[in-house]
N, C-alpha and C. Protein backbone atom coordinates (compact mmCIF):
# COMPACT_ATOMS: atom_id res chain seq x y z
N MET A 1 4.08 7.77 -30.56
CA MET A 1 3.05 6.84 -30.11
C MET A 1 2.49 7.16 -28.76
N GLU A 2 1.20 7.36 -28.62
CA GLU A 2 0.56 7.71 -27.35
C GLU A 2 0.12 6.50 -26.59
N ILE A 3 0.35 6.43 -25.30
CA ILE A 3 -0.03 5.32 -24.48
C ILE A 3 -1.17 5.78 -23.56
N ALA A 4 -2.21 5.03 -23.52
CA ALA A 4 -3.32 5.33 -22.63
C ALA A 4 -3.39 4.11 -21.66
N ILE A 5 -3.48 4.48 -20.35
CA ILE A 5 -3.42 3.45 -19.28
C ILE A 5 -4.60 3.72 -18.34
N ASN A 6 -5.37 2.68 -18.07
CA ASN A 6 -6.33 2.70 -16.93
C ASN A 6 -5.66 2.18 -15.69
N LEU A 7 -5.68 2.98 -14.62
CA LEU A 7 -5.06 2.56 -13.39
C LEU A 7 -6.00 2.71 -12.32
N GLY A 8 -6.81 1.65 -12.06
CA GLY A 8 -7.80 1.69 -11.05
C GLY A 8 -8.91 2.62 -11.50
N SER A 9 -9.04 3.76 -10.80
CA SER A 9 -10.10 4.71 -10.96
C SER A 9 -9.68 5.88 -11.87
N ILE A 10 -8.44 5.91 -12.38
CA ILE A 10 -8.01 7.02 -13.20
C ILE A 10 -7.44 6.53 -14.51
N ALA A 11 -7.41 7.39 -15.48
CA ALA A 11 -6.84 7.08 -16.79
C ALA A 11 -5.59 8.02 -16.97
N LEU A 12 -4.57 7.44 -17.52
CA LEU A 12 -3.28 8.22 -17.79
C LEU A 12 -2.97 8.23 -19.20
N ASP A 13 -2.22 9.21 -19.63
CA ASP A 13 -1.75 9.33 -21.02
C ASP A 13 -0.36 8.64 -21.20
N GLY A 14 0.23 8.22 -20.13
CA GLY A 14 1.59 7.57 -20.24
C GLY A 14 1.91 6.99 -18.95
N ILE A 15 3.17 6.41 -18.87
CA ILE A 15 3.53 5.62 -17.63
C ILE A 15 4.32 6.39 -16.59
N GLU A 16 4.64 7.64 -16.85
CA GLU A 16 5.45 8.48 -15.98
C GLU A 16 4.74 8.59 -14.65
N GLY A 17 5.48 8.36 -13.54
CA GLY A 17 4.89 8.49 -12.24
C GLY A 17 4.11 7.36 -11.68
N ILE A 18 3.87 6.26 -12.49
CA ILE A 18 3.25 5.05 -11.96
C ILE A 18 4.14 4.31 -11.06
N LYS A 19 3.55 3.90 -9.98
CA LYS A 19 4.33 3.08 -8.96
C LYS A 19 3.55 1.82 -8.66
N GLN A 20 4.31 0.74 -8.48
CA GLN A 20 3.78 -0.52 -7.93
C GLN A 20 4.65 -0.88 -6.82
N LEU A 21 4.13 -0.99 -5.59
CA LEU A 21 4.87 -1.23 -4.39
C LEU A 21 4.30 -2.48 -3.65
N CYS A 22 5.13 -3.13 -2.90
CA CYS A 22 4.76 -4.32 -2.14
C CYS A 22 5.16 -4.23 -0.66
N ALA A 23 4.32 -4.89 0.16
CA ALA A 23 4.63 -5.05 1.57
C ALA A 23 4.08 -6.39 2.07
N ARG A 24 4.61 -6.82 3.22
CA ARG A 24 4.15 -8.04 3.82
C ARG A 24 4.27 -7.94 5.33
N ALA A 25 3.18 -7.97 6.06
CA ALA A 25 3.23 -7.86 7.47
C ALA A 25 2.63 -9.09 8.19
N ASN A 26 3.37 -9.46 9.23
CA ASN A 26 2.83 -10.60 10.14
C ASN A 26 1.87 -10.02 11.10
N THR A 27 1.22 -10.85 11.87
CA THR A 27 0.15 -10.44 12.81
C THR A 27 0.56 -9.26 13.66
N GLY A 28 -0.21 -8.12 13.61
CA GLY A 28 0.04 -7.02 14.44
C GLY A 28 1.14 -6.08 13.96
N ASN A 29 1.89 -6.43 12.99
CA ASN A 29 3.04 -5.71 12.57
C ASN A 29 2.71 -4.67 11.44
N TYR A 30 3.52 -3.69 11.38
CA TYR A 30 3.59 -2.70 10.29
C TYR A 30 4.71 -3.03 9.32
N ASP A 31 4.42 -2.83 8.01
CA ASP A 31 5.46 -2.96 7.00
C ASP A 31 5.32 -1.89 6.03
N SER A 32 6.40 -1.10 5.80
CA SER A 32 6.44 -0.08 4.82
C SER A 32 6.50 -0.65 3.36
N PHE A 33 5.84 0.02 2.43
CA PHE A 33 5.83 -0.46 1.05
C PHE A 33 7.26 -0.31 0.45
N GLN A 34 7.65 -1.24 -0.38
CA GLN A 34 9.04 -1.28 -0.99
C GLN A 34 8.94 -1.39 -2.49
N PHE A 35 9.93 -0.86 -3.15
CA PHE A 35 10.27 -1.14 -4.52
C PHE A 35 11.60 -0.41 -4.75
N PRO A 36 12.55 -1.17 -5.31
CA PRO A 36 12.59 -2.59 -5.34
C PRO A 36 12.67 -3.19 -3.99
N VAL A 37 12.78 -4.53 -3.89
CA VAL A 37 12.72 -5.17 -2.60
C VAL A 37 13.92 -4.57 -1.70
N ASP A 38 13.55 -4.37 -0.41
CA ASP A 38 14.48 -3.85 0.56
C ASP A 38 14.77 -2.38 0.32
N THR A 39 14.05 -1.71 -0.48
CA THR A 39 14.18 -0.26 -0.66
C THR A 39 12.87 0.36 -0.40
N PHE A 40 12.77 1.08 0.77
CA PHE A 40 11.51 1.62 1.20
C PHE A 40 11.10 2.83 0.34
N TYR A 41 9.85 2.89 -0.07
CA TYR A 41 9.40 3.96 -0.91
C TYR A 41 8.97 5.13 -0.01
N LYS A 42 9.43 6.36 -0.36
CA LYS A 42 9.12 7.58 0.26
C LYS A 42 8.54 8.47 -0.80
N VAL A 43 7.32 9.06 -0.54
CA VAL A 43 6.74 9.97 -1.54
C VAL A 43 7.68 11.14 -1.73
N PRO A 44 8.04 11.49 -2.96
CA PRO A 44 9.02 12.61 -3.23
C PRO A 44 8.38 13.94 -2.75
N ALA A 45 9.30 14.88 -2.51
CA ALA A 45 8.89 16.24 -2.17
C ALA A 45 8.07 16.86 -3.37
N GLY A 46 7.02 17.61 -2.96
CA GLY A 46 6.21 18.18 -3.97
C GLY A 46 5.27 17.25 -4.73
N LYS A 47 5.18 15.99 -4.29
CA LYS A 47 4.28 14.97 -4.91
C LYS A 47 3.31 14.46 -3.89
N THR A 48 2.22 13.90 -4.33
CA THR A 48 1.32 13.10 -3.58
C THR A 48 1.18 11.78 -4.26
N LEU A 49 1.17 10.70 -3.54
CA LEU A 49 0.91 9.36 -4.17
C LEU A 49 -0.56 9.07 -4.05
N LEU A 50 -1.15 8.85 -5.21
CA LEU A 50 -2.62 8.41 -5.22
C LEU A 50 -2.62 6.95 -5.52
N ILE A 51 -3.00 6.19 -4.47
CA ILE A 51 -3.17 4.69 -4.58
C ILE A 51 -4.49 4.38 -5.15
N THR A 52 -4.45 3.68 -6.28
CA THR A 52 -5.71 3.47 -7.06
C THR A 52 -6.07 1.91 -7.06
N GLU A 53 -5.14 1.05 -6.84
CA GLU A 53 -5.42 -0.38 -6.87
C GLU A 53 -4.78 -0.96 -5.59
N LEU A 54 -5.50 -1.91 -5.05
CA LEU A 54 -5.07 -2.67 -3.86
C LEU A 54 -5.24 -4.11 -4.16
N CYS A 55 -4.11 -4.92 -4.07
CA CYS A 55 -4.17 -6.38 -4.28
C CYS A 55 -3.67 -6.97 -2.99
N TYR A 56 -4.23 -8.06 -2.49
CA TYR A 56 -3.83 -8.58 -1.15
C TYR A 56 -4.20 -10.05 -1.10
N TYR A 57 -3.57 -10.72 -0.09
CA TYR A 57 -3.96 -12.07 0.23
C TYR A 57 -3.51 -12.22 1.73
N SER A 58 -4.11 -13.21 2.39
CA SER A 58 -3.76 -13.51 3.77
C SER A 58 -3.83 -14.98 4.07
N ASN A 59 -3.19 -15.30 5.15
CA ASN A 59 -3.35 -16.72 5.64
C ASN A 59 -4.47 -16.87 6.64
N ALA A 60 -5.31 -15.82 6.79
CA ALA A 60 -6.40 -15.88 7.75
C ALA A 60 -7.66 -15.18 7.11
N THR A 61 -8.84 -15.40 7.63
CA THR A 61 -10.02 -14.83 7.04
C THR A 61 -10.54 -13.64 7.83
N SER A 62 -10.26 -13.58 9.12
CA SER A 62 -10.81 -12.52 9.92
C SER A 62 -9.83 -11.42 10.24
N ILE A 63 -9.16 -10.93 9.19
CA ILE A 63 -8.17 -9.93 9.43
C ILE A 63 -8.76 -8.48 9.16
N ILE A 64 -8.13 -7.48 9.67
CA ILE A 64 -8.42 -6.12 9.34
C ILE A 64 -7.08 -5.60 8.76
N LEU A 65 -7.13 -5.18 7.50
CA LEU A 65 -5.94 -4.58 6.84
C LEU A 65 -6.01 -3.08 7.05
N ARG A 66 -4.95 -2.52 7.45
CA ARG A 66 -4.85 -1.04 7.55
C ARG A 66 -3.77 -0.59 6.58
N ILE A 67 -4.09 0.53 5.91
CA ILE A 67 -3.15 1.23 5.00
C ILE A 67 -2.95 2.64 5.61
N GLY A 68 -1.72 3.10 5.73
CA GLY A 68 -1.44 4.37 6.33
C GLY A 68 -0.13 4.85 5.86
N TYR A 69 0.36 5.86 6.65
CA TYR A 69 1.65 6.46 6.32
C TYR A 69 2.31 7.00 7.58
N GLY A 70 3.60 7.19 7.57
CA GLY A 70 4.38 7.77 8.69
C GLY A 70 5.56 8.47 8.21
N ASP A 71 6.28 9.02 9.12
CA ASP A 71 7.54 9.80 8.89
C ASP A 71 8.77 8.94 8.78
N SER A 72 8.59 7.65 9.12
CA SER A 72 9.78 6.74 9.05
C SER A 72 9.24 5.45 8.46
N SER A 73 10.23 4.66 7.97
CA SER A 73 9.94 3.31 7.45
C SER A 73 10.17 2.20 8.45
N VAL A 74 9.38 1.14 8.36
CA VAL A 74 9.49 -0.03 9.29
C VAL A 74 9.49 -1.31 8.44
N SER A 75 10.14 -2.34 8.92
CA SER A 75 10.21 -3.56 8.23
C SER A 75 9.56 -4.71 9.08
N ASP A 76 8.27 -4.95 8.78
CA ASP A 76 7.57 -5.99 9.52
C ASP A 76 7.76 -5.90 10.98
N SER A 77 7.50 -4.74 11.54
CA SER A 77 7.81 -4.47 12.91
C SER A 77 6.57 -4.18 13.75
N GLY A 78 6.63 -4.65 15.02
CA GLY A 78 5.50 -4.36 15.95
C GLY A 78 5.44 -2.92 16.29
N SER A 79 6.62 -2.14 16.04
CA SER A 79 6.58 -0.67 16.34
C SER A 79 6.05 0.04 15.20
N ALA A 80 5.25 1.07 15.49
CA ALA A 80 4.62 1.89 14.43
C ALA A 80 5.69 2.85 13.89
N PRO A 81 5.43 3.30 12.63
CA PRO A 81 6.32 4.33 12.08
C PRO A 81 6.08 5.63 12.93
N THR A 82 7.11 6.45 12.88
CA THR A 82 6.98 7.78 13.59
C THR A 82 5.75 8.57 13.01
N ASN A 83 4.93 9.12 13.90
CA ASN A 83 3.83 9.93 13.53
C ASN A 83 2.85 9.19 12.51
N ASN A 84 2.66 7.90 12.83
CA ASN A 84 1.90 7.07 11.91
C ASN A 84 0.41 7.54 11.89
N LYS A 85 -0.23 7.37 10.69
CA LYS A 85 -1.66 7.69 10.55
C LYS A 85 -2.30 6.62 9.71
N ASP A 86 -3.23 5.88 10.19
CA ASP A 86 -4.05 4.98 9.42
C ASP A 86 -5.04 5.77 8.55
N VAL A 87 -5.06 5.48 7.25
CA VAL A 87 -5.98 6.18 6.28
C VAL A 87 -7.20 5.35 6.03
N ILE A 88 -7.03 4.06 5.99
CA ILE A 88 -8.17 3.11 5.68
C ILE A 88 -8.06 1.83 6.47
N GLU A 89 -9.26 1.37 6.84
CA GLU A 89 -9.32 0.06 7.54
C GLU A 89 -10.24 -0.80 6.74
N TRP A 90 -9.80 -2.01 6.41
CA TRP A 90 -10.47 -2.87 5.39
C TRP A 90 -10.64 -4.27 5.96
N LEU A 91 -11.79 -4.89 5.85
CA LEU A 91 -11.90 -6.30 6.27
C LEU A 91 -11.99 -7.12 4.93
N PRO A 92 -10.82 -7.54 4.37
CA PRO A 92 -10.83 -7.88 3.03
C PRO A 92 -11.00 -9.40 2.68
N CYS A 93 -10.65 -10.32 3.55
CA CYS A 93 -10.43 -11.67 3.12
C CYS A 93 -11.57 -12.61 3.65
N ALA A 94 -12.39 -13.06 2.66
CA ALA A 94 -13.44 -14.05 2.95
C ALA A 94 -12.86 -15.52 2.91
N GLU A 95 -11.70 -15.64 2.27
CA GLU A 95 -11.11 -16.98 2.14
C GLU A 95 -9.62 -16.82 2.21
N ALA A 96 -8.98 -17.64 3.04
CA ALA A 96 -7.54 -17.59 3.23
C ALA A 96 -6.78 -18.02 1.96
N TYR A 97 -5.68 -17.38 1.72
CA TYR A 97 -4.79 -17.69 0.51
C TYR A 97 -5.38 -17.40 -0.83
N LYS A 98 -6.49 -16.66 -0.80
CA LYS A 98 -7.11 -16.28 -2.13
C LYS A 98 -6.70 -14.89 -2.42
N PRO A 99 -6.14 -14.60 -3.64
CA PRO A 99 -5.85 -13.18 -3.94
C PRO A 99 -7.10 -12.38 -4.25
N TYR A 100 -7.09 -11.09 -3.76
CA TYR A 100 -8.19 -10.19 -3.94
C TYR A 100 -7.64 -8.94 -4.58
N LYS A 101 -8.44 -8.18 -5.24
CA LYS A 101 -8.06 -6.97 -5.84
C LYS A 101 -9.27 -5.96 -5.82
N THR A 102 -9.01 -4.70 -5.46
CA THR A 102 -10.07 -3.72 -5.49
C THR A 102 -9.45 -2.35 -5.96
N ASN A 103 -10.34 -1.58 -6.54
CA ASN A 103 -10.04 -0.23 -6.88
C ASN A 103 -10.26 0.70 -5.67
N ILE A 104 -9.43 1.66 -5.47
CA ILE A 104 -9.55 2.47 -4.28
C ILE A 104 -8.87 3.78 -4.49
N ASN A 105 -9.17 4.79 -3.72
CA ASN A 105 -8.46 6.12 -3.82
C ASN A 105 -7.96 6.42 -2.40
N ILE A 106 -6.63 6.33 -2.27
CA ILE A 106 -6.00 6.75 -1.00
C ILE A 106 -4.86 7.66 -1.36
N TYR A 107 -4.79 8.81 -0.71
CA TYR A 107 -3.81 9.82 -0.93
C TYR A 107 -2.73 9.79 0.17
N ILE A 108 -1.48 9.66 -0.23
CA ILE A 108 -0.40 9.64 0.68
C ILE A 108 0.42 10.99 0.41
N PRO A 109 0.63 11.87 1.45
CA PRO A 109 1.27 13.14 1.21
C PRO A 109 2.76 12.95 1.04
N GLU A 110 3.30 14.05 0.53
CA GLU A 110 4.80 14.12 0.30
C GLU A 110 5.58 13.78 1.47
N LEU A 111 6.76 13.22 1.24
CA LEU A 111 7.72 12.85 2.25
C LEU A 111 7.25 11.88 3.34
N LYS A 112 6.24 11.07 3.00
CA LYS A 112 5.75 10.13 3.93
C LYS A 112 5.98 8.69 3.33
N TYR A 113 6.16 7.69 4.26
CA TYR A 113 6.27 6.32 3.91
C TYR A 113 4.99 5.61 4.10
N PRO A 114 4.41 5.07 2.95
CA PRO A 114 3.13 4.31 3.09
C PRO A 114 3.42 2.95 3.72
N TYR A 115 2.49 2.42 4.53
CA TYR A 115 2.64 1.09 5.09
C TYR A 115 1.30 0.32 5.10
N CYS A 116 1.39 -0.97 5.41
CA CYS A 116 0.16 -1.76 5.69
C CYS A 116 0.38 -2.42 7.09
N ARG A 117 -0.72 -2.91 7.63
CA ARG A 117 -0.74 -3.48 8.92
C ARG A 117 -1.88 -4.45 8.97
N SER A 118 -1.63 -5.65 9.58
CA SER A 118 -2.66 -6.66 9.77
C SER A 118 -2.84 -6.97 11.24
N ASN A 119 -4.10 -7.10 11.63
CA ASN A 119 -4.34 -7.38 13.14
C ASN A 119 -4.37 -8.83 13.41
N ASN A 120 -4.52 -9.67 12.40
CA ASN A 120 -4.74 -11.18 12.69
C ASN A 120 -4.21 -11.95 11.47
N GLY A 121 -3.11 -12.47 11.51
CA GLY A 121 -2.55 -13.28 10.45
C GLY A 121 -1.63 -12.40 9.53
N ALA A 122 -0.87 -13.16 8.75
CA ALA A 122 0.10 -12.49 7.86
C ALA A 122 -0.69 -12.03 6.62
N ILE A 123 -0.20 -10.93 6.09
CA ILE A 123 -0.88 -10.39 4.86
C ILE A 123 0.16 -9.90 3.86
N GLY A 124 -0.01 -10.15 2.64
CA GLY A 124 0.80 -9.58 1.52
C GLY A 124 -0.05 -8.57 0.77
N VAL A 125 0.52 -7.43 0.45
CA VAL A 125 -0.19 -6.40 -0.14
C VAL A 125 0.61 -5.76 -1.33
N SER A 126 0.01 -5.51 -2.42
CA SER A 126 0.59 -4.79 -3.55
C SER A 126 -0.33 -3.66 -3.86
N ILE A 127 0.28 -2.47 -3.99
CA ILE A 127 -0.52 -1.30 -4.36
C ILE A 127 0.00 -0.72 -5.66
N ARG A 128 -0.88 -0.18 -6.42
CA ARG A 128 -0.54 0.52 -7.69
C ARG A 128 -1.09 1.97 -7.57
N GLY A 129 -0.37 2.92 -8.06
CA GLY A 129 -0.85 4.27 -8.01
C GLY A 129 0.04 5.08 -8.88
N VAL A 130 -0.16 6.42 -8.67
CA VAL A 130 0.67 7.42 -9.47
C VAL A 130 0.99 8.57 -8.58
N GLU A 131 2.18 9.14 -8.85
CA GLU A 131 2.62 10.28 -8.17
C GLU A 131 1.99 11.49 -8.88
N LEU A 132 1.33 12.35 -8.22
CA LEU A 132 0.77 13.50 -8.73
C LEU A 132 1.47 14.73 -8.40
């Protein structure tokens, strides 16, 4: 049996390599994506993570959500990951506590830990993507 899956902006023939990761950061903090809970996700050697879906909510409306990656993991910390690089900056929430979803293409290189960061208010983020 063949499985066809639409994952944001790409279509796949099966589920191999699909990742769904979660993070939650308080105001000004960085939080590395995890799966399962309390296990930080690191892109495997020889792979690139293509993030194709971004789901999020916040307790504030005037936040800026940043998605990026670094050489180390962090857990809702004011300290940035080692060699951190913001990949995208997003002003996502028009209404507090309302869930939002968007399709997006963000590439995270091998051996990096993807993270989220909020400048104003707590934010919960779930990403879906595939290891290429």
